[in-house]
Protein backbone atom coordinates (compact mmCIF):
# COMPACT_ATOMS: atom_id res chain seq x y z
CA UNK A 1 18.77 27.30 18.68
CA UNK A 2 21.92 26.32 16.62
CA UNK A 3 20.89 27.88 13.62
CA UNK A 4 19.98 31.10 15.40
CA UNK A 5 23.63 30.77 16.74
CA UNK A 6 25.30 30.05 13.81
CA UNK A 7 23.34 33.07 11.80
CA UNK A 8 24.52 35.58 14.61
CA UNK A 9 28.14 34.58 14.15
CA UNK A 10 28.00 35.63 10.52
CA UNK A 11 26.00 38.86 10.94
CA UNK A 12 28.22 39.92 13.69
CA UNK A 13 31.66 39.00 11.81
CA UNK A 14 30.11 41.05 9.01
CA UNK A 15 29.35 43.51 11.45
CA UNK A 16 32.46 44.09 12.66
CA UNK A 17 34.21 44.41 9.32
CA UNK A 18 31.15 47.45 8.15
CA UNK A 19 32.62 49.10 11.52
CA UNK A 20 36.33 48.56 10.26
CA UNK A 21 35.11 49.81 7.28
CA UNK A 22 33.45 53.00 8.57
CA UNK A 23 36.25 53.55 10.89
CA UNK A 24 38.93 53.50 7.63
CA UNK A 25 40.79 56.45 5.85
CA UNK A 26 38.74 56.37 2.66
CA UNK A 27 35.59 58.90 2.39
CA UNK A 28 32.61 58.20 4.24
CA UNK A 29 30.15 57.62 1.66
CA UNK A 30 32.07 54.61 -0.16
CA UNK A 31 32.58 52.48 3.46
CA UNK A 32 28.76 53.27 4.24
CA UNK A 33 27.81 51.75 0.32
CA UNK A 34 30.24 48.62 0.50
CA UNK A 35 29.44 47.93 4.19
CA UNK A 36 25.71 47.95 3.29
CA UNK A 37 26.56 45.91 0.15
CA UNK A 38 28.50 43.31 2.76
CA UNK A 39 25.66 43.53 5.36
CA UNK A 40 22.89 42.53 2.68
CA UNK A 41 24.79 39.48 1.58
CA UNK A 42 25.07 38.07 4.55
CA UNK A 43 21.87 38.98 6.27
CA UNK A 44 19.28 38.10 3.35
CA UNK A 45 20.89 34.39 2.92
CA UNK A 46 20.93 33.85 6.92
CA UNK A 47 17.35 35.38 7.29
CA UNK A 48 15.97 33.13 4.27
CA UNK A 49 18.40 30.31 5.98
CA UNK A 50 16.37 30.89 9.20
CA UNK A 51 13.00 30.61 7.53
CA UNK A 52 13.67 27.55 5.53
CA UNK A 53 15.01 25.55 8.69
CA UNK A 54 11.61 26.16 9.95
CA UNK A 55 10.37 23.60 8.39
CA UNK A 56 11.33 20.03 8.69
CA UNK A 57 11.27 19.30 5.03
CA UNK A 58 13.68 22.13 3.76
CA UNK A 59 15.75 22.22 7.30
CA UNK A 60 18.62 20.80 5.52
CA UNK A 61 18.49 23.49 2.75
CA UNK A 62 17.85 26.13 5.60
CA UNK A 63 21.19 25.12 7.46
CA UNK A 64 23.03 24.97 4.65
CA UNK A 65 21.79 28.33 3.37
CA UNK A 66 23.00 29.99 6.74
CA UNK A 67 26.31 28.22 6.65
CA UNK A 68 26.79 29.67 3.23
CA UNK A 69 25.65 32.98 4.49
CA UNK A 70 28.68 32.57 7.43
CA UNK A 71 31.09 31.86 4.48
CA UNK A 72 29.87 34.78 2.65
CA UNK A 73 30.54 36.80 5.66
CA UNK A 74 34.45 36.34 5.09
CA UNK A 75 34.73 37.96 1.83
CA UNK A 76 34.03 41.34 4.07
CA UNK A 77 37.70 40.63 5.18
CA UNK A 78 39.20 41.37 2.04
CA UNK A 79 38.24 44.92 2.89
CA UNK A 80 41.05 45.05 4.99
CA UNK A 81 44.63 46.39 4.41
CA UNK A 82 46.34 43.55 6.05
CA UNK A 83 47.68 40.87 3.88
CA UNK A 84 46.07 37.69 5.67
CA UNK A 85 42.88 38.88 6.04
CA UNK A 86 42.89 40.45 2.88
CA UNK A 87 43.82 36.93 1.14
CA UNK A 88 41.66 35.07 3.27
CA UNK A 89 38.65 37.11 2.09
CA UNK A 90 39.63 36.86 -1.42
CA UNK A 91 39.20 33.15 -1.39
CA UNK A 92 35.88 33.19 0.51
CA UNK A 93 34.81 34.94 -2.57
CA UNK A 94 35.80 32.26 -4.48
CA UNK A 95 33.30 30.04 -2.33
CA UNK A 96 30.20 31.67 -3.57
CA UNK A 97 30.38 29.96 -7.20
CA UNK A 98 29.89 26.61 -5.89
CA UNK A 99 27.94 27.19 -2.87
CA UNK A 100 25.79 29.26 -4.71
CA UNK A 101 25.75 26.31 -7.89
CA UNK A 102 24.80 23.66 -5.01
CA UNK A 103 22.00 25.82 -3.38
CA UNK A 104 20.32 26.14 -6.71
CA UNK A 105 20.60 22.47 -8.21
CA UNK A 106 19.44 21.57 -4.20
CA UNK A 107 16.60 23.51 -3.74
CA UNK A 108 14.34 23.00 -1.52
CA UNK A 109 14.99 20.20 -0.29
CA UNK A 110 19.28 20.76 0.32
CA UNK A 111 20.02 17.44 -1.50
CA UNK A 112 21.41 16.48 -5.30
CA UNK A 113 18.51 14.37 -6.72
CA UNK A 114 19.84 13.81 -10.00
CA UNK A 115 22.82 12.56 -11.76
CA UNK A 116 23.29 15.50 -14.01
CA UNK A 117 23.25 17.72 -10.85
CA UNK A 118 25.84 16.15 -9.26
CA UNK A 119 27.90 15.81 -12.12
CA UNK A 120 27.80 19.63 -12.67
CA UNK A 121 28.65 20.37 -8.75
CA UNK A 122 31.32 17.84 -8.87
CA UNK A 123 32.77 19.80 -12.28
CA UNK A 124 32.33 23.50 -10.47
CA UNK A 125 33.70 22.43 -7.19
CA UNK A 126 36.55 20.84 -8.49
CA UNK A 127 37.20 23.89 -10.63
CA UNK A 128 36.92 26.10 -7.97
CA UNK A 129 39.59 23.74 -5.56
CA UNK A 130 42.10 23.35 -8.29
CA UNK A 131 42.06 26.65 -10.90
CA UNK A 132 40.92 29.25 -8.20
CA UNK A 133 41.98 28.29 -4.44
CA UNK A 134 44.49 25.88 -6.08
CA UNK A 135 45.94 29.08 -7.66
CA UNK A 136 46.17 31.37 -4.77
CA UNK A 137 49.60 29.39 -4.04
CA UNK A 138 50.99 30.73 -6.85
CA UNK A 139 49.79 34.41 -8.05
CA UNK A 140 51.01 37.53 -6.26
CA UNK A 141 48.00 39.72 -7.02
CA UNK A 142 44.32 38.57 -6.98
CA UNK A 143 42.30 39.76 -10.06
CA UNK A 144 41.60 43.24 -9.71
CA UNK A 145 37.96 44.72 -10.22
CA UNK A 146 35.90 42.65 -8.06
CA UNK A 147 33.11 43.73 -5.96
CA UNK A 148 34.72 42.23 -3.12
CA UNK A 149 37.33 44.71 -2.48
CA UNK A 150 37.99 48.54 -2.80
CA UNK A 151 41.30 47.98 -3.29
CA UNK A 152 42.85 48.45 -7.20
CA UNK A 153 46.40 49.00 -7.72
CA UNK A 154 47.31 49.16 -4.03
CA UNK A 155 45.94 45.93 -2.78
CA UNK A 156 47.73 44.13 0.03
CA UNK A 157 49.95 41.20 -1.63
CA UNK A 158 49.12 37.43 -1.21
CA UNK A 159 49.81 35.62 2.33
CA UNK A 160 49.36 32.44 0.79
CA UNK A 161 52.25 32.89 -2.12
CA UNK A 162 54.71 30.14 -1.95
CA UNK A 163 56.83 30.64 -5.00
CA UNK A 164 59.18 33.60 -5.45
CA UNK A 165 57.59 34.77 -8.44
CA UNK A 166 54.27 34.56 -10.28
CA UNK A 167 54.53 31.62 -12.82
CA UNK A 168 53.77 33.03 -16.34
CA UNK A 169 51.26 30.09 -17.26
CA UNK A 170 48.95 31.47 -14.77
CA UNK A 171 47.92 34.58 -16.25
CA UNK A 172 48.63 33.10 -19.91
CA UNK A 173 46.67 29.60 -19.68
CA UNK A 174 45.31 28.83 -16.07
CA UNK A 175 43.50 32.07 -15.45
CA UNK A 176 41.64 31.84 -19.24
CA UNK A 177 40.95 27.92 -18.83
CA UNK A 178 39.10 28.35 -15.30
CA UNK A 179 37.18 31.31 -16.69
CA UNK A 180 35.99 29.56 -19.75
CA UNK A 181 35.26 26.34 -17.57
CA UNK A 182 33.29 28.55 -15.53
CA UNK A 183 31.01 30.12 -17.98
CA UNK A 184 30.17 26.47 -19.54
CA UNK A 185 29.37 25.23 -15.95
CA UNK A 186 27.36 27.72 -15.50
CA UNK A 187 25.42 27.75 -18.52
CA UNK A 188 25.25 24.15 -17.64
CA UNK A 189 23.89 24.75 -14.48
CA UNK A 190 20.79 27.46 -15.84
CA UNK A 191 19.93 24.59 -18.17
CA UNK A 192 19.38 21.97 -15.91
CA UNK A 193 17.16 24.05 -13.55
CA UNK A 194 15.59 24.86 -17.10
CA UNK A 195 15.19 21.53 -17.40
CA UNK A 196 13.94 21.07 -14.57
CA UNK A 197 11.25 23.61 -14.87
CA UNK A 198 9.67 22.14 -18.01
CA UNK A 199 9.78 18.50 -16.05
CA UNK A 200 7.81 19.71 -12.74
CA UNK A 201 4.23 19.90 -11.98
CA UNK A 202 2.44 23.06 -11.79
CA UNK A 203 2.55 23.45 -8.47
CA UNK A 204 6.32 22.95 -8.76
CA UNK A 205 6.57 25.32 -11.50
CA UNK A 206 5.42 28.20 -9.15
CA UNK A 207 7.68 27.34 -6.69
CA UNK A 208 10.96 26.86 -8.76
CA UNK A 209 10.03 30.21 -10.74
CA UNK A 210 11.78 33.07 -8.62
CA UNK A 211 14.77 30.57 -7.89
CA UNK A 212 15.09 29.83 -11.73
CA UNK A 213 14.51 33.72 -13.04
CA UNK A 214 17.65 34.73 -10.19
CA UNK A 215 19.56 31.54 -10.91
CA UNK A 216 19.88 32.75 -14.61
CA UNK A 217 20.36 36.35 -13.46
CA UNK A 218 23.00 35.51 -11.87
CA UNK A 219 24.77 33.21 -14.42
CA UNK A 220 24.14 35.80 -17.09
CA UNK A 221 25.93 38.49 -15.16
CA UNK A 222 29.01 36.68 -13.78
CA UNK A 223 29.48 35.54 -17.75
CA UNK A 224 29.06 38.73 -18.24
CA UNK A 225 31.67 40.04 -15.79
CA UNK A 226 34.21 37.56 -16.64
CA UNK A 227 33.72 38.21 -20.17
CA UNK A 228 33.99 42.00 -19.80
CA UNK A 229 36.96 41.94 -17.48
CA UNK A 230 38.66 39.62 -19.94
CA UNK A 231 37.59 41.97 -22.97
CA UNK A 232 37.83 45.60 -21.16
CA UNK A 233 39.76 45.46 -17.82
CA UNK A 234 39.46 48.85 -16.15
CA UNK A 235 36.09 50.00 -18.16
CA UNK A 236 33.88 51.49 -15.87
CA UNK A 237 31.41 48.90 -17.16
CA UNK A 238 33.42 45.90 -15.41
CA UNK A 239 32.50 47.31 -12.05
CA UNK A 240 28.97 47.71 -13.08
CA UNK A 241 28.34 44.29 -14.10
CA UNK A 242 30.28 43.45 -10.82
CA UNK A 243 27.96 45.18 -8.67
CA UNK A 244 24.98 43.54 -10.06
CA UNK A 245 26.80 40.56 -10.09
CA UNK A 246 27.05 40.68 -6.31
CA UNK A 247 23.50 42.01 -5.42
CA UNK A 248 22.57 38.79 -7.25
CA UNK A 249 23.76 36.59 -4.37
CA UNK A 250 21.38 38.18 -1.98
CA UNK A 251 18.45 38.22 -4.98
CA UNK A 252 19.20 34.59 -5.17
CA UNK A 253 18.66 34.52 -1.12
CA UNK A 254 15.18 36.45 -1.57
CA UNK A 255 14.08 34.28 -4.65
CA UNK A 256 14.37 31.25 -2.38
CA UNK A 257 12.46 32.72 0.49
CA UNK A 258 9.83 33.64 -1.99
CA UNK A 259 9.80 30.17 -3.16
CA UNK A 260 9.32 28.54 -0.12
CA UNK A 261 6.71 31.27 0.67
CA UNK A 262 4.96 30.65 -2.62
CA UNK A 263 5.05 26.33 -1.89
CA UNK A 264 3.80 26.76 1.33
CA UNK A 265 0.86 28.92 0.56
CA UNK A 266 -0.06 27.03 -2.36
CA UNK A 267 0.43 23.73 -0.43
CA UNK A 268 -2.28 25.71 2.08
CA UNK A 269 -4.51 26.29 -0.72
CA UNK A 270 -4.39 23.04 -2.09
CA UNK A 271 -4.96 21.23 1.31
CA UNK A 272 -8.39 23.91 1.44
CA UNK A 273 -9.59 23.33 -1.61
CA UNK A 274 -9.47 19.67 -0.92
CA UNK A 275 -10.74 19.66 2.58
CA UNK A 276 -13.65 21.88 0.89
CA UNK A 277 -14.48 19.29 -2.03
CA UNK A 278 -14.52 16.17 1.09
CA UNK A 279 -16.55 17.79 3.57
CA UNK A 280 -19.73 16.90 2.31
CA UNK A 281 -20.35 13.63 1.27
CA UNK A 282 -18.79 12.39 -1.55
CA UNK A 283 -18.06 9.29 -3.83
CA UNK A 284 -14.62 8.18 -5.08
CA UNK A 285 -15.28 9.67 -8.52
CA UNK A 286 -15.85 13.22 -7.19
CA UNK A 287 -12.97 12.56 -4.45
CA UNK A 288 -10.44 12.03 -7.48
CA UNK A 289 -11.89 14.80 -10.01
CA UNK A 290 -11.31 17.18 -6.33
CA UNK A 291 -7.75 15.64 -5.95
CA UNK A 292 -7.07 16.32 -9.57
CA UNK A 293 -8.25 19.93 -9.44
CA UNK A 294 -6.28 20.67 -6.50
CA UNK A 295 -3.06 19.19 -7.77
CA UNK A 296 -3.82 20.08 -11.44
CA UNK A 297 -2.78 16.71 -12.31
CA UNK A 298 -5.48 15.22 -14.69
CA UNK A 299 -3.98 11.99 -14.99
CA UNK A 300 -4.24 11.35 -10.90
CA UNK A 301 -6.38 8.44 -9.93
CA UNK A 302 -7.35 6.98 -6.65
CA UNK A 303 -7.13 3.13 -6.17
CA UNK A 304 -8.70 1.36 -2.99
CA UNK A 305 -8.04 -2.07 -1.44
CA UNK A 306 -10.46 -4.59 -0.47
CA UNK A 307 -9.79 -5.61 3.03
CA UNK A 308 -11.63 -8.87 2.53
CA UNK A 309 -10.02 -9.93 -0.96
CA UNK A 310 -7.44 -7.72 -1.06
CA UNK A 311 -8.12 -6.65 -4.41
CA UNK A 312 -7.47 -3.37 -6.06
CA UNK A 313 -9.98 -1.60 -7.71
CA UNK A 314 -9.54 2.05 -9.81
CA UNK A 315 -12.17 4.83 -9.31
CA UNK A 316 -14.45 3.08 -11.52
CA UNK A 317 -14.58 0.27 -9.67
CA UNK A 318 -12.47 -2.10 -11.91
CA UNK A 319 -10.60 -4.17 -10.62
CA UNK A 320 -6.58 -3.23 -11.46
CA UNK A 321 -3.01 -4.78 -10.74
CA UNK A 322 -1.79 -3.74 -7.65
CA UNK A 323 -0.28 -0.26 -7.33
CA UNK A 324 3.48 -0.17 -8.89
CA UNK A 325 6.03 2.79 -10.17
CA UNK A 326 5.32 2.50 -14.21
CA UNK A 327 6.93 4.18 -16.82
CA UNK A 328 6.26 7.61 -18.40
CA UNK A 329 4.59 10.17 -16.14
CA UNK A 330 3.30 8.47 -13.62
CA UNK A 331 4.21 6.80 -9.54
CA UNK A 332 2.57 5.99 -6.86
CA UNK A 333 2.03 7.08 -3.52
CA UNK A 334 0.75 4.45 -1.22
CA UNK A 335 -1.31 5.22 1.82
CA UNK A 336 -1.13 2.52 4.75
CA UNK A 337 -4.07 2.64 7.57
CA UNK A 338 -2.25 0.28 10.53
CA UNK A 339 0.57 -0.95 8.62
CA UNK A 340 -1.55 -2.34 5.58
CA UNK A 341 -1.64 -0.71 2.53
CA UNK A 342 -5.53 0.70 2.27
CA UNK A 343 -5.27 3.13 -0.65
CA UNK A 344 -2.81 4.72 -3.48
CA UNK A 345 -2.50 7.13 -5.32
CA UNK A 346 -1.58 7.28 -8.55
CA UNK A 347 -0.25 11.17 -9.85
CA UNK A 348 2.24 12.39 -12.79
CA UNK A 349 5.37 11.57 -11.42
CA UNK A 350 6.62 15.10 -11.31
CA UNK A 351 4.47 15.36 -7.90
CA UNK A 352 6.83 12.98 -5.88
CA UNK A 353 8.90 16.16 -5.59
CA UNK A 354 6.51 17.18 -2.83
CA UNK A 355 6.42 14.57 -0.50
CA UNK A 356 5.09 16.71 2.24
CA UNK A 357 2.19 17.79 -0.03
CA UNK A 358 1.32 14.51 -1.28
CA UNK A 359 1.48 13.00 2.50
CA UNK A 360 -1.06 15.57 3.75
CA UNK A 361 -3.23 15.26 0.54
CA UNK A 362 -3.02 11.24 1.47
CA UNK A 363 -3.98 11.95 5.46
CA UNK A 364 -7.08 13.28 3.63
CA UNK A 365 -8.13 10.69 1.43
CA UNK A 366 -7.48 8.18 4.47
CA UNK A 367 -9.78 10.15 6.28
CA UNK A 368 -12.55 10.44 3.64
CA UNK A 369 -12.21 6.69 2.89
CA UNK A 370 -12.43 5.81 6.13
CA UNK A 371 -15.09 7.91 6.90
CA UNK A 372 -16.79 6.16 3.49
CA UNK A 373 -16.18 2.70 5.08
CA UNK A 374 -17.54 3.57 8.06
CA UNK A 375 -20.63 5.22 6.91
CA UNK A 376 -21.21 1.98 5.16
CA UNK A 377 -20.43 -0.12 8.11
CA UNK A 378 -23.08 1.66 9.66
CA UNK A 379 -25.82 1.20 7.02
CA UNK A 380 -25.26 -2.24 6.97
CA UNK A 381 -25.29 -2.41 10.32
CA UNK A 382 -28.16 -0.44 10.85
CA UNK A 383 -30.00 -3.09 8.43
CA UNK A 384 -28.38 -5.97 9.51
CA UNK A 385 -30.11 -4.65 13.14
CA UNK A 386 -33.94 -4.18 11.89
CA UNK A 387 -33.84 -7.64 10.38
CA UNK A 388 -32.17 -9.05 13.35
CA UNK A 389 -34.72 -6.97 15.71
CA UNK A 390 -37.66 -8.36 13.31
CA UNK A 391 -36.49 -11.85 13.41
CA UNK A 392 -36.42 -11.43 17.26
CA UNK A 393 -39.71 -10.43 17.42
CA UNK A 394 -41.27 -12.77 15.04
CA UNK A 395 -39.33 -16.03 17.28
CA UNK A 396 -41.17 -14.37 20.23
CA UNK A 397 -44.45 -14.62 18.77
CA UNK A 398 -43.38 -17.93 17.80
CA UNK A 399 -42.25 -18.49 21.17
CA UNK A 400 -45.46 -17.53 22.82
CA UNK A 401 -47.42 -19.55 20.19
CA UNK A 402 -45.66 -22.50 20.92
CA UNK A 403 -45.86 -22.21 24.46
CA UNK A 404 -49.98 -21.78 24.16
CA UNK A 405 -49.75 -24.58 21.96
CA UNK A 406 -47.68 -26.86 25.10
CA UNK A 407 -50.22 -25.32 27.67
CA UNK A 408 -53.39 -26.00 25.64
CA UNK A 409 -52.56 -29.45 24.60
CA UNK A 410 -50.45 -31.05 27.30
CA UNK A 411 -50.89 -29.18 30.74
CA UNK A 412 -54.67 -27.91 30.05
CA UNK A 413 -55.75 -31.01 28.84
CA UNK A 414 -54.21 -32.44 31.79
CA UNK A 415 -55.82 -30.38 33.81
CA UNK A 416 -59.28 -30.74 32.49
CA UNK A 417 -58.58 -34.56 32.75
CA UNK A 418 -58.35 -34.21 37.10
CA UNK A 419 -61.14 -31.68 36.76
CA UNK A 420 -63.47 -34.84 35.40
CA UNK A 421 -61.59 -37.80 37.35
CA UNK A 422 -62.19 -35.37 40.88
CA UNK A 423 -65.93 -35.43 39.78
CA UNK A 424 -66.27 -38.95 38.94
CA UNK A 425 -63.99 -39.50 42.86
CA UNK A 426 -67.22 -37.12 44.35
CA UNK A 427 -69.60 -39.16 43.14
CA UNK A 428 -67.89 -42.59 44.10
CA UNK A 429 -66.79 -41.20 47.66
CA UNK A 430 -70.59 -41.26 48.42
CA UNK A 431 -71.50 -45.04 47.16
CA UNK A 432 -67.92 -46.49 47.46
CA UNK A 433 -65.39 -44.88 49.73
CA UNK A 434 -62.86 -47.22 49.47
CA UNK A 435 -62.80 -46.53 45.52
CA UNK A 436 -63.48 -43.09 45.96
CA UNK A 437 -59.79 -42.75 47.83
CA UNK A 438 -58.45 -44.92 45.07
CA UNK A 439 -59.33 -42.20 42.52
CA UNK A 440 -58.13 -39.51 44.23
CA UNK A 441 -54.69 -41.05 44.87
CA UNK A 442 -54.60 -41.91 41.16
CA UNK A 443 -55.50 -37.88 40.42
CA UNK A 444 -52.53 -37.18 42.62
CA UNK A 445 -50.07 -39.03 40.36
CA UNK A 446 -51.77 -36.91 37.37
CA UNK A 447 -51.04 -33.60 39.28
CA UNK A 448 -47.25 -34.78 39.32
CA UNK A 449 -47.27 -35.55 35.88
CA UNK A 450 -48.99 -32.31 35.14
CA UNK A 451 -46.41 -30.26 37.45
CA UNK A 452 -43.29 -31.93 35.34
CA UNK A 453 -44.77 -30.96 32.50
CA UNK A 454 -45.33 -27.07 33.45
CA UNK A 455 -41.22 -27.29 34.96
CA UNK A 456 -40.60 -28.52 31.48
CA UNK A 457 -42.22 -25.73 29.65
CA UNK A 458 -40.64 -23.28 32.15
CA UNK A 459 -37.37 -24.27 31.83
CA UNK A 460 -37.68 -24.00 27.76
CA UNK A 461 -38.80 -20.27 28.41
CA UNK A 462 -35.53 -19.50 31.23
CA UNK A 463 -33.67 -22.46 32.63
CA UNK A 464 -34.39 -22.31 36.76
CA UNK A 465 -30.55 -23.03 36.94
CA UNK A 466 -29.65 -19.87 34.99
CA UNK A 467 -31.66 -17.80 37.12
CA UNK A 468 -30.40 -19.59 40.59
CA UNK A 469 -26.72 -20.79 40.18
CA UNK A 470 -25.82 -18.62 36.95
CA UNK A 471 -24.33 -18.82 33.45
CA UNK A 472 -21.23 -21.31 34.15
CA UNK A 473 -23.22 -24.28 36.20
CA UNK A 474 -25.99 -23.93 33.27
CA UNK A 475 -23.96 -24.71 31.07
CA UNK A 476 -22.35 -27.50 32.74
CA UNK A 477 -26.00 -28.80 33.31
CA UNK A 478 -25.88 -28.79 29.56
CA UNK A 479 -22.86 -30.12 29.02
CA UNK A 480 -23.63 -33.05 31.11
CA UNK A 481 -26.45 -34.39 29.10
CA UNK A 482 -24.16 -33.77 25.89
CA UNK A 483 -23.65 -37.48 24.33
CA UNK A 484 -20.28 -36.21 23.41
CA UNK A 485 -17.89 -35.10 25.97
CA UNK A 486 -17.62 -31.10 26.99
CA UNK A 487 -14.48 -30.24 28.26
CA UNK A 488 -15.74 -26.83 29.83
CA UNK A 489 -12.88 -24.08 31.36
CA UNK A 490 -14.68 -21.39 33.55
CA UNK A 491 -12.38 -18.15 34.73
CA UNK A 492 -13.18 -15.19 36.98
CA UNK A 493 -16.97 -15.65 35.77
CA UNK A 494 -19.50 -14.12 37.90
CA UNK A 495 -23.37 -13.24 37.84
CA UNK A 496 -24.27 -10.76 35.28
CA UNK A 497 -27.89 -8.63 34.04
CA UNK A 498 -30.54 -11.35 33.11
CA UNK A 499 -30.35 -10.49 29.24
CA UNK A 500 -26.57 -11.35 29.16
CA UNK A 501 -26.63 -14.70 30.56
CA UNK A 502 -29.51 -15.67 28.77
CA UNK A 503 -28.73 -14.59 25.62
CA UNK A 504 -24.85 -16.00 26.30
CA UNK A 505 -26.27 -19.40 27.83
CA UNK A 506 -28.62 -19.99 24.39
CA UNK A 507 -25.67 -19.22 22.02
CA UNK A 508 -23.54 -21.81 24.10
CA UNK A 509 -26.59 -24.35 23.94
CA UNK A 510 -26.93 -23.57 20.33
CA UNK A 511 -23.36 -24.07 19.61
CA UNK A 512 -23.08 -27.30 21.91
CA UNK A 513 -26.39 -28.39 19.79
CA UNK A 514 -25.15 -27.80 16.24
CA UNK A 515 -21.51 -29.30 17.34
CA UNK A 516 -23.24 -32.74 18.31
CA UNK A 517 -25.75 -32.72 14.90
CA UNK A 518 -23.38 -31.34 12.38
CA UNK A 519 -19.61 -32.11 13.25
CA UNK A 520 -18.81 -35.15 11.72
CA UNK A 521 -15.72 -37.22 13.42
CA UNK A 522 -15.97 -34.98 16.64
CA UNK A 523 -14.75 -36.64 19.58
CA UNK A 524 -14.95 -33.62 22.14
CA UNK A 525 -16.51 -30.31 22.71
CA UNK A 526 -14.90 -27.69 24.28
CA UNK A 527 -16.35 -24.42 25.96
CA UNK A 528 -14.12 -21.66 27.30
CA UNK A 529 -15.73 -19.13 29.76
CA UNK A 530 -13.98 -15.98 31.22
CA UNK A 531 -13.72 -12.15 32.02
CA UNK A 532 -11.08 -10.03 31.47
CA UNK A 533 -10.90 -6.32 31.05
CA UNK A 534 -14.50 -5.32 31.01
CA UNK A 535 -15.60 -8.32 28.54
CA UNK A 536 -17.30 -11.43 29.05
CA UNK A 537 -15.89 -14.10 26.40
CA UNK A 538 -16.91 -17.74 25.57
CA UNK A 539 -15.65 -19.88 22.88
CA UNK A 540 -17.18 -23.22 21.93
CA UNK A 541 -15.21 -25.44 19.64
CA UNK A 542 -14.92 -28.86 18.24
CA UNK A 543 -12.21 -31.03 16.63
CA UNK A 544 -14.81 -31.92 13.73
CA UNK A 545 -14.60 -32.25 10.17
CA UNK A 546 -15.47 -28.06 9.73
CA UNK A 547 -16.89 -26.41 7.09
CA UNK A 548 -16.76 -23.01 4.87
CA UNK A 549 -18.47 -20.75 7.06
CA UNK A 550 -20.96 -18.53 4.71
CA UNK A 551 -19.93 -15.10 3.74
CA UNK A 552 -22.08 -11.81 4.45
CA UNK A 553 -25.46 -12.88 6.22
CA UNK A 554 -25.32 -16.15 8.43
CA UNK A 555 -28.37 -18.49 8.25
CA UNK A 556 -30.27 -20.90 10.13
CA UNK A 557 -28.56 -21.42 13.68
CA UNK A 558 -25.76 -19.54 13.06
CA UNK A 559 -28.08 -16.23 12.46
CA UNK A 560 -30.12 -17.49 15.89
CA UNK A 561 -27.02 -16.61 17.32
CA UNK A 562 -25.96 -13.64 15.78
CA UNK A 563 -29.00 -12.19 16.56
CA UNK A 564 -29.01 -13.27 20.03
CA UNK A 565 -25.46 -11.43 20.41
CA UNK A 566 -26.48 -8.20 18.23
CA UNK A 567 -29.39 -7.67 20.86
CA UNK A 568 -27.29 -7.14 24.14
CA UNK A 569 -24.71 -5.17 21.47
CA UNK A 570 -21.78 -8.24 21.77
CA UNK A 571 -20.29 -10.11 18.88
CA UNK A 572 -19.88 -13.33 17.30
CA UNK A 573 -17.64 -14.99 14.95
CA UNK A 574 -17.85 -18.06 13.29
CA UNK A 575 -14.02 -19.55 12.77
CA UNK A 576 -14.38 -23.07 10.66
CA UNK A 577 -12.68 -24.80 7.78
CA UNK A 578 -12.47 -28.28 6.40
CA UNK A 579 -10.64 -30.22 8.41
CA UNK A 580 -9.75 -27.99 11.57
CA UNK A 581 -13.49 -27.94 13.09
CA UNK A 582 -15.55 -24.99 14.01
CA UNK A 583 -14.81 -22.62 16.96
CA UNK A 584 -17.80 -20.14 17.75
CA UNK A 585 -16.25 -17.57 19.80
CA UNK A 586 -18.29 -14.50 21.34
CA UNK A 587 -17.47 -11.08 23.02
CA UNK A 588 -19.88 -9.13 25.75
CA UNK A 589 -19.02 -5.63 26.91
CA UNK A 590 -19.59 -5.25 30.50
CA UNK A 591 -20.34 -1.64 31.36
């Protein structure tokens, strides 16, 4: 909104002057031509500035270009016949020089980044402030033959004159010196632009090409105009060159617009090529090749950081040093995932100027690497789940075999013995009822033992207390039989599906038994059960000696616990280290 208001102000000011020109006493043809020239000089920079201001990266440049259009609109005042507005318009025409120089050097961000650029602009600004605008207080007339005013001999007097008469030094020394310095500084600006073009990336050269071409044209025509006016004052060729120089001002604005437009089109093309290249399944080498081709940078490489070890690896999988700026042609753009460095683009230093493009490409790189990581984790999880299911099925078979063996060797044999003893008791009842009654009574004791044995077998399959009273009481019963003190904390734990209660119960039992067997020096076991935010969490910890948990797959009891939790889509972690005990933590989502 602010940019649009400033732009409308500049155009309105220019329109007022154009109307004044058309209403003047001169012939109709010349005022129309000069009015159109003024309108073009103002309208094109303002339009290009509005386009640039649409992008956050170029907004500063766009606002400055619009502001320059407002200042250049003041040059239209030089067409009036009044002394003060005429003098303001002539002074405003001198401001075209430093403003254009700044815009050429600061394109496309609106900031001077190099020391040479700042020195050049500082020299131009000082030159215009001291020897051009400063001379307005000591000259009776402004230089003739300028494209910014139509008057020649009968121009209005200088309203800013502070002395009674113009000193001779102004025409003999100040004017030649300032024009010579202007030529030298313009040459320096052109040389700086050519040097920047040589150092730019292939994409950057396409963006800066139109600006460089028009900037050199502007510098050449201005130098030619200054020289021609000095060598052949009054010659028609001076007026022609002056018009060409004036037309270069909107020409540079058009070049700014074309440069920004080409940059956006090129950025869209690069992103399209990268997205098409990474649309399918690609490895890191293919990703690097796609980026190098799209960004036209053969030296580009993608460095990835391992989450577990924190080591950096290049595209070839070799361990490399952490990414950092290095001497020469290469720079580094770090890509972060949740604030942690995840990857880095090692690229040509010239690409650093286009941070917006690198940010977009970096987002695609992170998405591709994240997709690759998720695929690997999914494949690992599927493989682990398959092995876990096989182990669970094998464990179930073994458990059935154990139950069958226990029933055969224990309860079944006891029942067979009771059947025999009942037959003997039947025979004794016929011959000796007293001994027969005692034999029957002894068989009753055997029945009690058989029931106890069956209860013991059934408890190993599914604890009755777990089904009757729930998870918390079942764990308390295990803690009560522990030779080590067990502290239990329960928070908002209720009843859950049998498969969840069973998996959590046996995982806790396994963890408690492991602590009893292996936690050397432990004085206490702490068990925590709590429900919060649609999840059931548990922890079994001890203050024993601790150990170094295995990396990757668990073994033995740890693997059994993981298998039980994965069977109900739960998670389990083992936190331990020598000297600080062991903590087994689990999480089950409740849906």
